[in-house]
Amino acid sequence: MIYTAIVLLLVCLTGCSLRSTYPTLGAIAGGGVGSLGGPGIAALGAGIGAVNEMMKGNSKRLFCAVRPPGHHAETIRANGFCFINNVAVAARYLQSRYDVGRIAIIDFDVHHGNGTQEIFYNDESVLYASIHQHPLFPGTGLESETGVGNIFNAPIESGTSSSDFLKIFKERILKNVSQF
């Protein structure tokens, strides 16, 4: 059975045993002074817990609204106040623990999730779709950034109406997810 997990953003900040994915965080992930414990561990646990619930058959679509955010954290670089990309960790956990072949990540935030895009840019098994304000930090997320056909960005202007937002979301995000 193929599952497509839609794990939505605003997730992150911890280390756990992720040193192989994020080797530069070894010094701050341990739990002592200067560590990323507390809320960050809860954020990471939310994504992994949601994945486990889905795989138990309790849900096929998941939404984790946790803070602090993490979609700016890249493979080897913290960015935009994000240290660990929690949705990326949850996606990789889903793939490694449960052997799930395809995962779709939908990111809706005022900022583009440059870290999530960077992590999965060349990975055909993960679709990343983002609707975000542009131009704005981090300056990425153009429609021309397509990865290996798995990246779909829908930059919008500040002040976009709700009806236009929903139309763009359906036409440029959900359409691509359903075709994945």
C-alpha atoms as a PDB file:
ATOM      1  CA  MET A   1       0.000   0.000   0.000  1.00  0.00           C
ATOM      2  CA  ILE A   2       1.322   3.443  -0.896  1.00  0.00           C
ATOM      3  CA  TYR A   3       0.685   6.247   1.548  1.00  0.00           C
ATOM      4  CA  THR A   4       1.066   9.867   0.651  1.00  0.00           C
ATOM      5  CA  ALA A   5       1.538  11.802   3.832  1.00  0.00           C
ATOM      6  CA  ILE A   6       0.786  15.479   3.753  1.00  0.00           C
ATOM      7  CA  VAL A   7       2.681  16.885   6.676  1.00  0.00           C
ATOM      8  CA  LEU A   8       2.274  20.613   7.010  1.00  0.00           C
ATOM      9  CA  LEU A   9       4.869  22.943   8.344  1.00  0.00           C
ATOM     10  CA  LEU A  10       5.824  25.114  11.297  1.00  0.00           C
ATOM     11  CA  VAL A  11       7.872  22.474  12.956  1.00  0.00           C
ATOM     12  CA  CYS A  12      11.298  22.023  14.431  1.00  0.00           C
ATOM     13  CA  LEU A  13      14.225  22.599  16.795  1.00  0.00           C
ATOM     14  CA  THR A  14      15.944  19.607  18.300  1.00  0.00           C
ATOM     15  CA  GLY A  15      18.791  17.201  17.906  1.00  0.00           C
ATOM     16  CA  CYS A  16      18.058  13.727  19.302  1.00  0.00           C
ATOM     17  CA  SER A  17      20.109  11.196  17.335  1.00  0.00           C
ATOM     18  CA  LEU A  18      20.041  13.201  14.131  1.00  0.00           C
ATOM     19  CA  ARG A  19      23.768  13.878  13.990  1.00  0.00           C
ATOM     20  CA  SER A  20      24.097  11.891  10.763  1.00  0.00           C
ATOM     21  CA  THR A  21      21.507  14.118   9.067  1.00  0.00           C
ATOM     22  CA  TYR A  22      22.648  17.322  10.776  1.00  0.00           C
ATOM     23  CA  PRO A  23      26.325  16.719  11.663  1.00  0.00           C
ATOM     24  CA  THR A  24      27.011  20.317  12.702  1.00  0.00           C
ATOM     25  CA  LEU A  25      24.536  20.164  15.581  1.00  0.00           C
ATOM     26  CA  GLY A  26      26.300  17.559  17.696  1.00  0.00           C
ATOM     27  CA  ALA A  27      27.468  20.094  20.262  1.00  0.00           C
ATOM     28  CA  ILE A  28      24.078  21.691  20.840  1.00  0.00           C
ATOM     29  CA  ALA A  29      21.788  18.681  20.572  1.00  0.00           C
ATOM     30  CA  GLY A  30      22.794  16.925  23.757  1.00  0.00           C
ATOM     31  CA  GLY A  31      20.520  18.556  26.318  1.00  0.00           C
ATOM     32  CA  GLY A  32      22.972  20.603  28.390  1.00  0.00           C
ATOM     33  CA  VAL A  33      23.769  24.308  28.430  1.00  0.00           C
ATOM     34  CA  GLY A  34      23.142  25.743  24.978  1.00  0.00           C
ATOM     35  CA  SER A  35      21.088  22.735  23.901  1.00  0.00           C
ATOM     36  CA  LEU A  36      17.862  22.698  21.911  1.00  0.00           C
ATOM     37  CA  GLY A  37      15.703  20.858  24.430  1.00  0.00           C
ATOM     38  CA  GLY A  38      12.209  21.670  25.711  1.00  0.00           C
ATOM     39  CA  PRO A  39       9.860  22.920  23.012  1.00  0.00           C
ATOM     40  CA  GLY A  40      12.147  21.662  20.274  1.00  0.00           C
ATOM     41  CA  ILE A  41      11.956  18.097  21.485  1.00  0.00           C
ATOM     42  CA  ALA A  42       8.172  18.368  21.680  1.00  0.00           C
ATOM     43  CA  ALA A  43       8.095  19.735  18.116  1.00  0.00           C
ATOM     44  CA  LEU A  44      10.164  16.862  16.799  1.00  0.00           C
ATOM     45  CA  GLY A  45       8.059  14.358  18.738  1.00  0.00           C
ATOM     46  CA  ALA A  46       4.851  15.786  17.274  1.00  0.00           C
ATOM     47  CA  GLY A  47       5.935  14.995  13.715  1.00  0.00           C
ATOM     48  CA  ILE A  48       7.146  11.514  14.550  1.00  0.00           C
ATOM     49  CA  GLY A  49       4.072  10.852  16.696  1.00  0.00           C
ATOM     50  CA  ALA A  50       1.806  11.954  13.858  1.00  0.00           C
ATOM     51  CA  VAL A  51       3.623   9.632  11.453  1.00  0.00           C
ATOM     52  CA  ASN A  52       3.168   6.726  13.867  1.00  0.00           C
ATOM     53  CA  GLU A  53      -0.554   7.516  14.230  1.00  0.00           C
ATOM     54  CA  MET A  54      -0.991   7.577  10.481  1.00  0.00           C
ATOM     55  CA  MET A  55       0.787   4.279  10.039  1.00  0.00           C
ATOM     56  CA  LYS A  56      -1.406   2.706  12.720  1.00  0.00           C
ATOM     57  CA  GLY A  57      -4.345   3.581  10.472  1.00  0.00           C
ATOM     58  CA  ASN A  58      -5.666   6.460  12.545  1.00  0.00           C
ATOM     59  CA  SER A  59      -5.230   9.022   9.754  1.00  0.00           C
ATOM     60  CA  LYS A  60      -3.968   9.414   6.184  1.00  0.00           C
ATOM     61  CA  ARG A  61      -3.447  13.169   6.358  1.00  0.00           C
ATOM     62  CA  LEU A  62      -1.677  14.958   9.147  1.00  0.00           C
ATOM     63  CA  PHE A  63      -1.267  18.509  10.353  1.00  0.00           C
ATOM     64  CA  CYS A  64       1.306  19.465  12.967  1.00  0.00           C
ATOM     65  CA  ALA A  65       1.061  23.058  14.119  1.00  0.00           C
ATOM     66  CA  VAL A  66       4.051  23.299  16.410  1.00  0.00           C
ATOM     67  CA  ARG A  67       6.551  25.956  17.310  1.00  0.00           C
ATOM     68  CA  PRO A  68       9.301  26.870  16.877  1.00  0.00           C
ATOM     69  CA  PRO A  69       9.356  26.708  13.076  1.00  0.00           C
ATOM     70  CA  GLY A  70      11.912  24.680  11.162  1.00  0.00           C
ATOM     71  CA  HIS A  71      11.336  24.978   7.438  1.00  0.00           C
ATOM     72  CA  HIS A  72      14.332  27.295   7.014  1.00  0.00           C
ATOM     73  CA  ALA A  73      16.817  24.751   8.439  1.00  0.00           C
ATOM     74  CA  GLU A  74      18.910  23.260   5.662  1.00  0.00           C
ATOM     75  CA  THR A  75      20.885  20.023   5.495  1.00  0.00           C
ATOM     76  CA  ILE A  76      24.016  21.424   7.131  1.00  0.00           C
ATOM     77  CA  ARG A  77      23.017  24.969   8.121  1.00  0.00           C
ATOM     78  CA  ALA A  78      20.642  26.483  10.623  1.00  0.00           C
ATOM     79  CA  ASN A  79      18.784  29.410   9.098  1.00  0.00           C
ATOM     80  CA  GLY A  80      15.954  31.823   9.889  1.00  0.00           C
ATOM     81  CA  PHE A  81      15.887  30.851  13.597  1.00  0.00           C
ATOM     82  CA  CYS A  82      15.439  27.191  12.595  1.00  0.00           C
ATOM     83  CA  PHE A  83      17.936  24.568  13.717  1.00  0.00           C
ATOM     84  CA  ILE A  84      16.347  21.285  12.642  1.00  0.00           C
ATOM     85  CA  ASN A  85      13.826  20.818   9.868  1.00  0.00           C
ATOM     86  CA  ASN A  86      11.178  18.822  11.712  1.00  0.00           C
ATOM     87  CA  VAL A  87       9.016  18.045   8.675  1.00  0.00           C
ATOM     88  CA  ALA A  88      12.096  16.693   6.883  1.00  0.00           C
ATOM     89  CA  VAL A  89      12.885  14.517   9.896  1.00  0.00           C
ATOM     90  CA  ALA A  90       9.294  13.228   9.963  1.00  0.00           C
ATOM     91  CA  ALA A  91       9.405  12.495   6.218  1.00  0.00           C
ATOM     92  CA  ARG A  92      12.685  10.596   6.472  1.00  0.00           C
ATOM     93  CA  TYR A  93      11.384   8.720   9.521  1.00  0.00           C
ATOM     94  CA  LEU A  94       8.310   7.712   7.529  1.00  0.00           C
ATOM     95  CA  GLN A  95      10.490   6.484   4.689  1.00  0.00           C
ATOM     96  CA  SER A  96      13.008   4.596   6.814  1.00  0.00           C
ATOM     97  CA  ARG A  97      10.772   3.160   9.513  1.00  0.00           C
ATOM     98  CA  TYR A  98       7.775   2.295   7.362  1.00  0.00           C
ATOM     99  CA  ASP A  99       9.286   2.024   3.874  1.00  0.00           C
ATOM    100  CA  VAL A 100       6.913   4.620   2.422  1.00  0.00           C
ATOM    101  CA  GLY A 101       7.859   5.435  -1.151  1.00  0.00           C
ATOM    102  CA  ARG A 102       6.238   8.826  -1.774  1.00  0.00           C
ATOM    103  CA  ILE A 103       5.612  11.762   0.531  1.00  0.00           C
ATOM    104  CA  ALA A 104       4.050  15.140  -0.213  1.00  0.00           C
ATOM    105  CA  ILE A 105       4.848  18.123   1.985  1.00  0.00           C
ATOM    106  CA  ILE A 106       2.671  21.222   1.697  1.00  0.00           C
ATOM    107  CA  ASP A 107       4.107  24.390   3.202  1.00  0.00           C
ATOM    108  CA  PHE A 108       1.901  27.434   3.675  1.00  0.00           C
ATOM    109  CA  ASP A 109       3.545  30.287   5.470  1.00  0.00           C
ATOM    110  CA  VAL A 110       4.388  33.908   4.780  1.00  0.00           C
ATOM    111  CA  HIS A 111       8.009  32.758   4.244  1.00  0.00           C
ATOM    112  CA  HIS A 112       9.215  30.176   1.753  1.00  0.00           C
ATOM    113  CA  GLY A 113      10.558  26.987   3.344  1.00  0.00           C
ATOM    114  CA  ASN A 114      13.981  27.167   1.732  1.00  0.00           C
ATOM    115  CA  GLY A 115      15.396  24.488   4.012  1.00  0.00           C
ATOM    116  CA  THR A 116      12.735  21.910   3.196  1.00  0.00           C
ATOM    117  CA  GLN A 117      13.147  22.670  -0.491  1.00  0.00           C
ATOM    118  CA  GLU A 118      16.940  22.339  -0.255  1.00  0.00           C
ATOM    119  CA  ILE A 119      16.754  19.014   1.570  1.00  0.00           C
ATOM    120  CA  PHE A 120      14.416  17.411  -0.989  1.00  0.00           C
ATOM    121  CA  TYR A 121      15.431  19.326  -4.142  1.00  0.00           C
ATOM    122  CA  ASN A 122      16.900  16.267  -5.875  1.00  0.00           C
ATOM    123  CA  ASP A 123      14.665  13.637  -4.293  1.00  0.00           C
ATOM    124  CA  GLU A 124      11.924  12.308  -6.580  1.00  0.00           C
ATOM    125  CA  SER A 125      10.316  10.464  -3.667  1.00  0.00           C
ATOM    126  CA  VAL A 126       9.312  13.694  -1.896  1.00  0.00           C
ATOM    127  CA  LEU A 127       7.117  16.391  -3.380  1.00  0.00           C
ATOM    128  CA  TYR A 128       7.502  19.813  -1.794  1.00  0.00           C
ATOM    129  CA  ALA A 129       4.893  22.482  -2.514  1.00  0.00           C
ATOM    130  CA  SER A 130       4.947  25.952  -0.999  1.00  0.00           C
ATOM    131  CA  ILE A 131       2.651  28.963  -1.128  1.00  0.00           C
ATOM    132  CA  HIS A 132       4.311  32.028   0.362  1.00  0.00           C
ATOM    133  CA  GLN A 133       4.697  35.775   0.055  1.00  0.00           C
ATOM    134  CA  HIS A 134       7.353  36.936  -2.387  1.00  0.00           C
ATOM    135  CA  PRO A 135       9.494  38.960  -2.346  1.00  0.00           C
ATOM    136  CA  LEU A 136      10.293  38.332   1.298  1.00  0.00           C
ATOM    137  CA  PHE A 137      12.849  36.441   3.404  1.00  0.00           C
ATOM    138  CA  PRO A 138      14.559  34.163   2.474  1.00  0.00           C
ATOM    139  CA  GLY A 139      14.308  35.285  -1.161  1.00  0.00           C
ATOM    140  CA  THR A 140      13.777  31.772  -2.524  1.00  0.00           C
ATOM    141  CA  GLY A 141      10.687  29.967  -3.741  1.00  0.00           C
ATOM    142  CA  LEU A 142      10.349  31.105  -7.325  1.00  0.00           C
ATOM    143  CA  GLU A 143       8.199  29.079  -9.700  1.00  0.00           C
ATOM    144  CA  SER A 144      11.339  28.325 -11.721  1.00  0.00           C
ATOM    145  CA  GLU A 145      12.806  26.366  -8.768  1.00  0.00           C
ATOM    146  CA  THR A 146      11.507  22.900  -9.661  1.00  0.00           C
ATOM    147  CA  GLY A 147      14.076  20.391  -8.384  1.00  0.00           C
ATOM    148  CA  VAL A 148      13.708  17.162 -10.345  1.00  0.00           C
ATOM    149  CA  GLY A 149      10.049  17.902 -11.057  1.00  0.00           C
ATOM    150  CA  ASN A 150       9.143  17.505  -7.387  1.00  0.00           C
ATOM    151  CA  ILE A 151       9.221  21.153  -6.245  1.00  0.00           C
ATOM    152  CA  PHE A 152       6.214  23.418  -6.773  1.00  0.00           C
ATOM    153  CA  ASN A 153       6.328  27.010  -5.567  1.00  0.00           C
ATOM    154  CA  ALA A 154       3.452  29.459  -5.661  1.00  0.00           C
ATOM    155  CA  PRO A 155       4.809  32.865  -4.658  1.00  0.00           C
ATOM    156  CA  ILE A 156       2.081  35.404  -3.955  1.00  0.00           C
ATOM    157  CA  GLU A 157       2.059  39.131  -3.339  1.00  0.00           C
ATOM    158  CA  SER A 158       1.365  40.738   0.009  1.00  0.00           C
ATOM    159  CA  GLY A 159      -2.339  41.503   0.317  1.00  0.00           C
ATOM    160  CA  THR A 160      -3.514  38.623  -1.882  1.00  0.00           C
ATOM    161  CA  SER A 161      -7.237  38.138  -1.254  1.00  0.00           C
ATOM    162  CA  SER A 162      -8.562  34.974   0.369  1.00  0.00           C
ATOM    163  CA  SER A 163     -10.347  33.938  -2.817  1.00  0.00           C
ATOM    164  CA  ASP A 164      -7.206  34.432  -4.917  1.00  0.00           C
ATOM    165  CA  PHE A 165      -5.131  32.557  -2.323  1.00  0.00           C
ATOM    166  CA  LEU A 166      -7.501  29.580  -2.456  1.00  0.00           C
ATOM    167  CA  LYS A 167      -7.563  29.607  -6.246  1.00  0.00           C
ATOM    168  CA  ILE A 168      -3.745  29.647  -6.433  1.00  0.00           C
ATOM    169  CA  PHE A 169      -3.531  26.981  -3.725  1.00  0.00           C
ATOM    170  CA  LYS A 170      -5.886  24.669  -5.632  1.00  0.00           C
ATOM    171  CA  GLU A 171      -4.357  25.265  -9.068  1.00  0.00           C
ATOM    172  CA  ARG A 172      -0.648  25.320  -8.249  1.00  0.00           C
ATOM    173  CA  ILE A 173      -0.353  23.269  -5.060  1.00  0.00           C
ATOM    174  CA  LEU A 174      -3.169  20.735  -4.717  1.00  0.00           C
ATOM    175  CA  LYS A 175      -3.228  19.953  -8.450  1.00  0.00           C
ATOM    176  CA  ASN A 176       0.448  18.945  -8.345  1.00  0.00           C
ATOM    177  CA  VAL A 177      -0.008  16.956  -5.145  1.00  0.00           C
ATOM    178  CA  SER A 178      -2.889  14.982  -6.642  1.00  0.00           C
ATOM    179  CA  GLN A 179      -0.776  14.184  -9.717  1.00  0.00           C
ATOM    180  CA  PHE A 180       2.194  13.012  -7.624  1.00  0.00           C
END
